Amino acid sequence: MSKEEISLFDEQQFETTSKKFELKTVAEDDNLIKSKERVQHHGEVFTPKWMVRKMLAEPAIQEKLRDLHATFFEPSAGEGAFLKEILHQKLGYVDKISNKTTWRINALWALMSIYGIELLEDNLIKAKRAMLDVFINHYQAFMQKKLSSNTDLYKSAKYIITVNIVQGNTLTFKNSKGKLIEFREWIPSGNKVAQNTFTYKSLFNNDDIHDVDANEGQLSLFGNLEDTDSQKGKPMQLTKVYER
């Protein structure tokens, strides 16, 4: 073949190292207040991103971030500055230890370990959306495909965020409807999970007989979840928890 002739197809010419989906950094927001009125009425001042990262950089906290079942609780979630960074770092660990078969289960355990309460409804909506965005971003960067809202994984992730990140007043233990703030405890049961409803107030070992599990103290949010015989829900697949 002469130099002037067209060469045959060379697949190396079409190789690329670029990815369709890339892991994005958690969005920055430099606004520490929304309005003077909200500061006066609700004491609302947001934590800057640099401070969030510095606080989470403590060695003891970093150790917990590398534990899928170590729980985190944010009593004043705001727009989710701590929640989304905790999830981002936990899923970063999931990305390192998982393959495409185990990622979904590991990621859901990480998501189940994060709890939060927020007083103001507009903040709550943004916090939940931010957490879902972090989850979707990690999935798509790891799997290199879009996460459809029709999948069990998406529905379960959204459900977990809905029941773990809730509206309420941490001082009164109640939500805007006057009911005790409730959470979901996720109890490992082999390759499945059982759900147990408990109240935020029950964490304080109070003696209120009208409180769910008040005398038991129920759950240490900074402890590790373990298998238990006291589970109240029927164990089910992690990717099907939204069907409860």
C-alpha atoms as a PDB file:
ATOM      1  CA  MET A   1       0.000   0.000   0.000  1.00  0.00           C
ATOM      2  CA  SER A   2       1.441   3.360  -1.034  1.00  0.00           C
ATOM      3  CA  LYS A   3       1.712   6.343   1.292  1.00  0.00           C
ATOM      4  CA  GLU A   4      -1.086   8.047  -0.610  1.00  0.00           C
ATOM      5  CA  GLU A   5      -3.584   5.249   0.043  1.00  0.00           C
ATOM      6  CA  ILE A   6      -6.127   5.571   2.867  1.00  0.00           C
ATOM      7  CA  SER A   7      -5.236   3.379   5.826  1.00  0.00           C
ATOM      8  CA  LEU A   8      -7.674   0.865   7.289  1.00  0.00           C
ATOM      9  CA  PHE A   9      -9.737   1.561  10.415  1.00  0.00           C
ATOM     10  CA  ASP A  10      -7.508   2.061  13.465  1.00  0.00           C
ATOM     11  CA  GLU A  11      -9.523   1.664  16.692  1.00  0.00           C
ATOM     12  CA  GLN A  12      -6.806   3.410  18.699  1.00  0.00           C
ATOM     13  CA  GLN A  13      -7.703   6.635  16.955  1.00  0.00           C
ATOM     14  CA  PHE A  14     -11.143   6.462  18.502  1.00  0.00           C
ATOM     15  CA  GLU A  15     -10.158   5.604  22.075  1.00  0.00           C
ATOM     16  CA  THR A  16     -10.957   8.267  24.678  1.00  0.00           C
ATOM     17  CA  THR A  17     -10.296   8.612  28.357  1.00  0.00           C
ATOM     18  CA  SER A  18     -13.139  11.087  28.898  1.00  0.00           C
ATOM     19  CA  LYS A  19     -16.174   9.955  30.881  1.00  0.00           C
ATOM     20  CA  LYS A  20     -19.786  10.584  30.060  1.00  0.00           C
ATOM     21  CA  PHE A  21     -20.581  11.146  33.727  1.00  0.00           C
ATOM     22  CA  GLU A  22     -18.113  12.803  36.080  1.00  0.00           C
ATOM     23  CA  LEU A  23     -18.210  13.159  39.845  1.00  0.00           C
ATOM     24  CA  LYS A  24     -19.045  16.745  40.695  1.00  0.00           C
ATOM     25  CA  THR A  25     -17.998  18.639  43.770  1.00  0.00           C
ATOM     26  CA  VAL A  26     -20.676  19.529  46.297  1.00  0.00           C
ATOM     27  CA  ALA A  27     -22.154  22.889  45.360  1.00  0.00           C
ATOM     28  CA  GLU A  28     -20.858  25.922  47.244  1.00  0.00           C
ATOM     29  CA  ASP A  29     -23.116  28.563  48.775  1.00  0.00           C
ATOM     30  CA  ASP A  30     -21.399  31.545  50.360  1.00  0.00           C
ATOM     31  CA  ASN A  31     -24.582  33.132  51.683  1.00  0.00           C
ATOM     32  CA  LEU A  32     -24.638  32.719  55.463  1.00  0.00           C
ATOM     33  CA  ILE A  33     -28.055  34.344  55.942  1.00  0.00           C
ATOM     34  CA  LYS A  34     -31.198  34.675  53.820  1.00  0.00           C
ATOM     35  CA  SER A  35     -32.631  37.681  55.629  1.00  0.00           C
ATOM     36  CA  LYS A  36     -32.365  39.573  58.905  1.00  0.00           C
ATOM     37  CA  GLU A  37     -35.942  38.597  59.667  1.00  0.00           C
ATOM     38  CA  ARG A  38     -35.139  34.887  59.501  1.00  0.00           C
ATOM     39  CA  VAL A  39     -32.132  35.390  61.746  1.00  0.00           C
ATOM     40  CA  GLN A  40     -34.264  37.282  64.272  1.00  0.00           C
ATOM     41  CA  HIS A  41     -37.221  34.873  64.199  1.00  0.00           C
ATOM     42  CA  HIS A  42     -35.441  31.556  63.795  1.00  0.00           C
ATOM     43  CA  GLY A  43     -31.766  32.190  64.550  1.00  0.00           C
ATOM     44  CA  GLU A  44     -31.011  30.997  61.020  1.00  0.00           C
ATOM     45  CA  VAL A  45     -27.324  31.312  60.105  1.00  0.00           C
ATOM     46  CA  PHE A  46     -25.822  28.828  57.659  1.00  0.00           C
ATOM     47  CA  THR A  47     -22.475  27.109  58.194  1.00  0.00           C
ATOM     48  CA  PRO A  48     -19.885  27.988  55.507  1.00  0.00           C
ATOM     49  CA  LYS A  49     -18.562  25.131  53.398  1.00  0.00           C
ATOM     50  CA  TRP A  50     -14.959  25.487  54.599  1.00  0.00           C
ATOM     51  CA  MET A  51     -16.098  25.065  58.198  1.00  0.00           C
ATOM     52  CA  VAL A  52     -18.186  22.006  57.345  1.00  0.00           C
ATOM     53  CA  ARG A  53     -15.165  20.337  55.777  1.00  0.00           C
ATOM     54  CA  LYS A  54     -12.869  21.324  58.624  1.00  0.00           C
ATOM     55  CA  MET A  55     -15.233  19.875  61.228  1.00  0.00           C
ATOM     56  CA  LEU A  56     -15.646  16.641  59.273  1.00  0.00           C
ATOM     57  CA  ALA A  57     -11.882  16.361  58.834  1.00  0.00           C
ATOM     58  CA  GLU A  58     -11.417  15.357  62.481  1.00  0.00           C
ATOM     59  CA  PRO A  59      -9.801  11.872  62.584  1.00  0.00           C
ATOM     60  CA  ALA A  60     -12.555  10.369  64.763  1.00  0.00           C
ATOM     61  CA  ILE A  61     -15.232  11.614  62.368  1.00  0.00           C
ATOM     62  CA  GLN A  62     -13.293  10.453  59.328  1.00  0.00           C
ATOM     63  CA  GLU A  63     -13.199   6.979  60.838  1.00  0.00           C
ATOM     64  CA  LYS A  64     -16.996   7.012  61.160  1.00  0.00           C
ATOM     65  CA  LEU A  65     -17.372   8.269  57.591  1.00  0.00           C
ATOM     66  CA  ARG A  66     -15.633   5.084  56.493  1.00  0.00           C
ATOM     67  CA  ASP A  67     -18.182   2.984  58.384  1.00  0.00           C
ATOM     68  CA  LEU A  68     -21.326   2.377  56.325  1.00  0.00           C
ATOM     69  CA  HIS A  69     -23.477   1.850  59.424  1.00  0.00           C
ATOM     70  CA  ALA A  70     -22.106   4.600  61.686  1.00  0.00           C
ATOM     71  CA  THR A  71     -24.965   7.068  62.050  1.00  0.00           C
ATOM     72  CA  PHE A  72     -24.852  10.849  61.753  1.00  0.00           C
ATOM     73  CA  PHE A  73     -27.509  13.272  62.965  1.00  0.00           C
ATOM     74  CA  GLU A  74     -27.948  16.957  62.108  1.00  0.00           C
ATOM     75  CA  PRO A  75     -30.493  18.631  64.482  1.00  0.00           C
ATOM     76  CA  SER A  76     -30.625  21.843  62.465  1.00  0.00           C
ATOM     77  CA  ALA A  77     -30.145  20.773  58.865  1.00  0.00           C
ATOM     78  CA  GLY A  78     -30.729  24.093  57.115  1.00  0.00           C
ATOM     79  CA  GLU A  79     -30.292  23.557  53.382  1.00  0.00           C
ATOM     80  CA  GLY A  80     -28.221  20.439  54.021  1.00  0.00           C
ATOM     81  CA  ALA A  81     -24.621  21.706  54.163  1.00  0.00           C
ATOM     82  CA  PHE A  82     -23.532  18.986  56.587  1.00  0.00           C
ATOM     83  CA  LEU A  83     -25.908  16.332  55.270  1.00  0.00           C
ATOM     84  CA  LYS A  84     -24.774  16.491  51.664  1.00  0.00           C
ATOM     85  CA  GLU A  85     -21.069  16.673  52.571  1.00  0.00           C
ATOM     86  CA  ILE A  86     -21.397  13.678  54.910  1.00  0.00           C
ATOM     87  CA  LEU A  87     -23.187  11.748  52.183  1.00  0.00           C
ATOM     88  CA  HIS A  88     -20.648  12.866  49.589  1.00  0.00           C
ATOM     89  CA  GLN A  89     -17.751  11.598  51.712  1.00  0.00           C
ATOM     90  CA  LYS A  90     -19.512   8.376  52.686  1.00  0.00           C
ATOM     91  CA  LEU A  91     -20.305   7.627  49.061  1.00  0.00           C
ATOM     92  CA  GLY A  92     -16.719   8.454  48.163  1.00  0.00           C
ATOM     93  CA  TYR A  93     -15.737   5.583  50.444  1.00  0.00           C
ATOM     94  CA  VAL A  94     -18.437   3.391  48.871  1.00  0.00           C
ATOM     95  CA  ASP A  95     -16.951   4.158  45.455  1.00  0.00           C
ATOM     96  CA  LYS A  96     -13.572   2.867  46.664  1.00  0.00           C
ATOM     97  CA  ILE A  97     -14.730  -0.403  48.242  1.00  0.00           C
ATOM     98  CA  SER A  98     -17.465  -1.412  45.782  1.00  0.00           C
ATOM     99  CA  ASN A  99     -17.843  -2.982  42.382  1.00  0.00           C
ATOM    100  CA  LYS A 100     -20.847  -2.593  40.110  1.00  0.00           C
ATOM    101  CA  THR A 101     -22.581  -5.471  41.872  1.00  0.00           C
ATOM    102  CA  THR A 102     -22.153  -4.220  45.447  1.00  0.00           C
ATOM    103  CA  TRP A 103     -22.350  -0.452  44.949  1.00  0.00           C
ATOM    104  CA  ARG A 104     -26.144  -0.168  45.226  1.00  0.00           C
ATOM    105  CA  ILE A 105     -26.390  -2.002  48.539  1.00  0.00           C
ATOM    106  CA  ASN A 106     -23.383  -0.233  50.070  1.00  0.00           C
ATOM    107  CA  ALA A 107     -24.669   3.161  48.921  1.00  0.00           C
ATOM    108  CA  LEU A 108     -28.119   2.578  50.429  1.00  0.00           C
ATOM    109  CA  TRP A 109     -26.587   1.570  53.769  1.00  0.00           C
ATOM    110  CA  ALA A 110     -24.557   4.784  53.716  1.00  0.00           C
ATOM    111  CA  LEU A 111     -27.679   6.823  52.955  1.00  0.00           C
ATOM    112  CA  MET A 112     -29.668   5.071  55.702  1.00  0.00           C
ATOM    113  CA  SER A 113     -27.086   6.152  58.275  1.00  0.00           C
ATOM    114  CA  ILE A 114     -27.739   9.899  57.870  1.00  0.00           C
ATOM    115  CA  TYR A 115     -30.515  11.687  59.774  1.00  0.00           C
ATOM    116  CA  GLY A 116     -31.604  15.297  60.039  1.00  0.00           C
ATOM    117  CA  ILE A 117     -34.272  17.665  61.350  1.00  0.00           C
ATOM    118  CA  GLU A 118     -35.064  21.090  59.896  1.00  0.00           C
ATOM    119  CA  LEU A 119     -37.638  23.587  61.179  1.00  0.00           C
ATOM    120  CA  LEU A 120     -38.273  25.572  57.997  1.00  0.00           C
ATOM    121  CA  GLU A 121     -40.032  23.867  55.123  1.00  0.00           C
ATOM    122  CA  ASP A 122     -38.209  25.687  52.304  1.00  0.00           C
ATOM    123  CA  ASN A 123     -34.849  24.660  53.733  1.00  0.00           C
ATOM    124  CA  LEU A 124     -36.045  21.084  54.166  1.00  0.00           C
ATOM    125  CA  ILE A 125     -36.997  20.805  50.500  1.00  0.00           C
ATOM    126  CA  LYS A 126     -33.557  22.059  49.420  1.00  0.00           C
ATOM    127  CA  ALA A 127     -31.733  19.740  51.833  1.00  0.00           C
ATOM    128  CA  LYS A 128     -33.577  16.671  50.558  1.00  0.00           C
ATOM    129  CA  ARG A 129     -33.018  17.670  46.952  1.00  0.00           C
ATOM    130  CA  ALA A 130     -29.315  18.247  47.609  1.00  0.00           C
ATOM    131  CA  MET A 131     -28.903  14.788  49.143  1.00  0.00           C
ATOM    132  CA  LEU A 132     -30.701  13.115  46.257  1.00  0.00           C
ATOM    133  CA  ASP A 133     -28.510  15.021  43.801  1.00  0.00           C
ATOM    134  CA  VAL A 134     -25.356  13.802  45.590  1.00  0.00           C
ATOM    135  CA  PHE A 135     -26.615  10.214  45.493  1.00  0.00           C
ATOM    136  CA  ILE A 136     -27.506  10.428  41.794  1.00  0.00           C
ATOM    137  CA  ASN A 137     -24.181  12.061  40.935  1.00  0.00           C
ATOM    138  CA  HIS A 138     -22.153   9.330  42.639  1.00  0.00           C
ATOM    139  CA  TYR A 139     -24.196   6.582  41.011  1.00  0.00           C
ATOM    140  CA  GLN A 140     -23.846   8.030  37.524  1.00  0.00           C
ATOM    141  CA  ALA A 141     -20.117   8.712  37.884  1.00  0.00           C
ATOM    142  CA  PHE A 142     -19.517   5.185  39.175  1.00  0.00           C
ATOM    143  CA  MET A 143     -21.839   3.278  36.836  1.00  0.00           C
ATOM    144  CA  GLN A 144     -21.385   5.602  33.866  1.00  0.00           C
ATOM    145  CA  LYS A 145     -25.087   5.613  33.123  1.00  0.00           C
ATOM    146  CA  LYS A 146     -28.098   7.675  34.016  1.00  0.00           C
ATOM    147  CA  LEU A 147     -30.103   6.799  37.133  1.00  0.00           C
ATOM    148  CA  SER A 148     -33.735   6.641  36.035  1.00  0.00           C
ATOM    149  CA  SER A 149     -36.442   7.810  38.419  1.00  0.00           C
ATOM    150  CA  ASN A 150     -38.323   4.622  37.518  1.00  0.00           C
ATOM    151  CA  THR A 151     -35.724   2.310  39.078  1.00  0.00           C
ATOM    152  CA  ASP A 152     -36.021   0.640  42.479  1.00  0.00           C
ATOM    153  CA  LEU A 153     -32.719   2.230  43.518  1.00  0.00           C
ATOM    154  CA  TYR A 154     -33.933   5.768  42.829  1.00  0.00           C
ATOM    155  CA  LYS A 155     -37.272   5.169  44.558  1.00  0.00           C
ATOM    156  CA  SER A 156     -35.597   3.621  47.604  1.00  0.00           C
ATOM    157  CA  ALA A 157     -33.043   6.434  47.871  1.00  0.00           C
ATOM    158  CA  LYS A 158     -35.790   9.052  47.685  1.00  0.00           C
ATOM    159  CA  TYR A 159     -37.879   7.193  50.278  1.00  0.00           C
ATOM    160  CA  ILE A 160     -34.937   6.887  52.694  1.00  0.00           C
ATOM    161  CA  ILE A 161     -34.234  10.616  52.426  1.00  0.00           C
ATOM    162  CA  THR A 162     -37.925  11.369  53.007  1.00  0.00           C
ATOM    163  CA  VAL A 163     -38.146   9.401  56.267  1.00  0.00           C
ATOM    164  CA  ASN A 164     -34.640  10.237  57.551  1.00  0.00           C
ATOM    165  CA  ILE A 165     -34.642  13.984  56.870  1.00  0.00           C
ATOM    166  CA  VAL A 166     -37.762  15.466  58.425  1.00  0.00           C
ATOM    167  CA  GLN A 167     -39.462  18.677  59.462  1.00  0.00           C
ATOM    168  CA  GLY A 168     -39.613  19.485  63.138  1.00  0.00           C
ATOM    169  CA  ASN A 169     -38.567  21.549  66.144  1.00  0.00           C
ATOM    170  CA  THR A 170     -35.776  19.887  68.113  1.00  0.00           C
ATOM    171  CA  LEU A 171     -36.689  21.885  71.235  1.00  0.00           C
ATOM    172  CA  THR A 172     -40.313  20.730  71.373  1.00  0.00           C
ATOM    173  CA  PHE A 173     -39.671  17.283  69.804  1.00  0.00           C
ATOM    174  CA  LYS A 174     -42.663  17.943  67.520  1.00  0.00           C
ATOM    175  CA  ASN A 175     -43.308  18.761  63.872  1.00  0.00           C
ATOM    176  CA  SER A 176     -45.529  21.477  62.403  1.00  0.00           C
ATOM    177  CA  LYS A 177     -48.556  19.192  62.785  1.00  0.00           C
ATOM    178  CA  GLY A 178     -48.021  18.941  66.526  1.00  0.00           C
ATOM    179  CA  LYS A 179     -46.963  15.296  66.353  1.00  0.00           C
ATOM    180  CA  LEU A 180     -43.775  13.823  67.785  1.00  0.00           C
ATOM    181  CA  ILE A 181     -40.922  13.780  65.272  1.00  0.00           C
ATOM    182  CA  GLU A 182     -40.454  10.260  63.952  1.00  0.00           C
ATOM    183  CA  PHE A 183     -37.571   8.526  62.221  1.00  0.00           C
ATOM    184  CA  ARG A 184     -36.914   5.134  60.741  1.00  0.00           C
ATOM    185  CA  GLU A 185     -34.347   2.780  62.238  1.00  0.00           C
ATOM    186  CA  TRP A 186     -32.807   0.519  59.606  1.00  0.00           C
ATOM    187  CA  ILE A 187     -31.975  -2.870  61.090  1.00  0.00           C
ATOM    188  CA  PRO A 188     -29.674  -5.236  59.152  1.00  0.00           C
ATOM    189  CA  SER A 189     -31.158  -8.707  58.758  1.00  0.00           C
ATOM    190  CA  GLY A 190     -28.757 -10.794  56.717  1.00  0.00           C
ATOM    191  CA  ASN A 191     -28.874  -9.393  53.181  1.00  0.00           C
ATOM    192  CA  LYS A 192     -32.109  -7.551  53.958  1.00  0.00           C
ATOM    193  CA  VAL A 193     -33.242  -4.714  56.204  1.00  0.00           C
ATOM    194  CA  ALA A 194     -36.088  -4.299  58.684  1.00  0.00           C
ATOM    195  CA  GLN A 195     -37.632  -0.929  59.529  1.00  0.00           C
ATOM    196  CA  ASN A 196     -38.544   0.240  63.012  1.00  0.00           C
ATOM    197  CA  THR A 197     -40.259   3.571  63.689  1.00  0.00           C
ATOM    198  CA  PHE A 198     -38.991   5.570  66.655  1.00  0.00           C
ATOM    199  CA  THR A 199     -39.390   9.135  67.886  1.00  0.00           C
ATOM    200  CA  TYR A 200     -36.696  11.749  68.285  1.00  0.00           C
ATOM    201  CA  LYS A 201     -37.887  12.289  71.855  1.00  0.00           C
ATOM    202  CA  SER A 202     -37.247   8.651  72.709  1.00  0.00           C
ATOM    203  CA  LEU A 203     -33.508   9.204  72.260  1.00  0.00           C
ATOM    204  CA  PHE A 204     -33.449  11.127  75.510  1.00  0.00           C
ATOM    205  CA  ASN A 205     -34.609   8.194  77.681  1.00  0.00           C
ATOM    206  CA  ASN A 206     -37.598  10.142  78.913  1.00  0.00           C
ATOM    207  CA  ASP A 207     -40.459   8.656  80.937  1.00  0.00           C
ATOM    208  CA  ASP A 208     -43.306   9.785  78.689  1.00  0.00           C
ATOM    209  CA  ILE A 209     -45.559   6.722  78.416  1.00  0.00           C
ATOM    210  CA  HIS A 210     -47.201   8.202  75.324  1.00  0.00           C
ATOM    211  CA  ASP A 211     -43.908   8.290  73.482  1.00  0.00           C
ATOM    212  CA  VAL A 212     -42.935   5.459  71.134  1.00  0.00           C
ATOM    213  CA  ASP A 213     -40.186   3.392  72.818  1.00  0.00           C
ATOM    214  CA  ALA A 214     -39.651   6.165  75.365  1.00  0.00           C
ATOM    215  CA  ASN A 215     -38.427   3.883  78.132  1.00  0.00           C
ATOM    216  CA  GLU A 216     -36.037   2.019  75.866  1.00  0.00           C
ATOM    217  CA  GLY A 217     -33.946   4.947  74.683  1.00  0.00           C
ATOM    218  CA  GLN A 218     -34.417   3.320  71.277  1.00  0.00           C
ATOM    219  CA  LEU A 219     -31.385   4.269  69.177  1.00  0.00           C
ATOM    220  CA  SER A 220     -28.025   5.898  69.660  1.00  0.00           C
ATOM    221  CA  LEU A 221     -27.597   7.917  66.486  1.00  0.00           C
ATOM    222  CA  PHE A 222     -23.831   7.894  66.905  1.00  0.00           C
ATOM    223  CA  GLY A 223     -23.591   4.196  67.582  1.00  0.00           C
ATOM    224  CA  ASN A 224     -23.361   1.326  65.136  1.00  0.00           C
ATOM    225  CA  LEU A 225     -26.417  -0.494  63.893  1.00  0.00           C
ATOM    226  CA  GLU A 226     -26.366  -4.165  64.729  1.00  0.00           C
ATOM    227  CA  ASP A 227     -28.568  -7.170  64.109  1.00  0.00           C
ATOM    228  CA  THR A 228     -31.284  -7.359  66.744  1.00  0.00           C
ATOM    229  CA  ASP A 229     -34.236  -9.550  67.628  1.00  0.00           C
ATOM    230  CA  SER A 230     -36.395  -6.532  68.471  1.00  0.00           C
ATOM    231  CA  GLN A 231     -37.128  -5.587  64.873  1.00  0.00           C
ATOM    232  CA  LYS A 232     -40.729  -4.587  64.266  1.00  0.00           C
ATOM    233  CA  GLY A 233     -40.877  -4.573  60.479  1.00  0.00           C
ATOM    234  CA  LYS A 234     -40.681  -7.457  58.079  1.00  0.00           C
ATOM    235  CA  PRO A 235     -37.176  -7.713  56.550  1.00  0.00           C
ATOM    236  CA  MET A 236     -37.069  -6.776  52.887  1.00  0.00           C
ATOM    237  CA  GLN A 237     -34.590  -6.099  50.107  1.00  0.00           C
ATOM    238  CA  LEU A 238     -32.749  -2.814  50.475  1.00  0.00           C
ATOM    239  CA  THR A 239     -33.673  -1.729  46.964  1.00  0.00           C
ATOM    240  CA  LYS A 240     -37.359  -2.344  47.725  1.00  0.00           C
ATOM    241  CA  VAL A 241     -37.754  -0.403  50.982  1.00  0.00           C
ATOM    242  CA  TYR A 242     -39.975   2.164  49.292  1.00  0.00           C
ATOM    243  CA  GLU A 243     -42.664  -0.507  48.982  1.00  0.00           C
ATOM    244  CA  ARG A 244     -43.220  -0.608  52.748  1.00  0.00           C
END
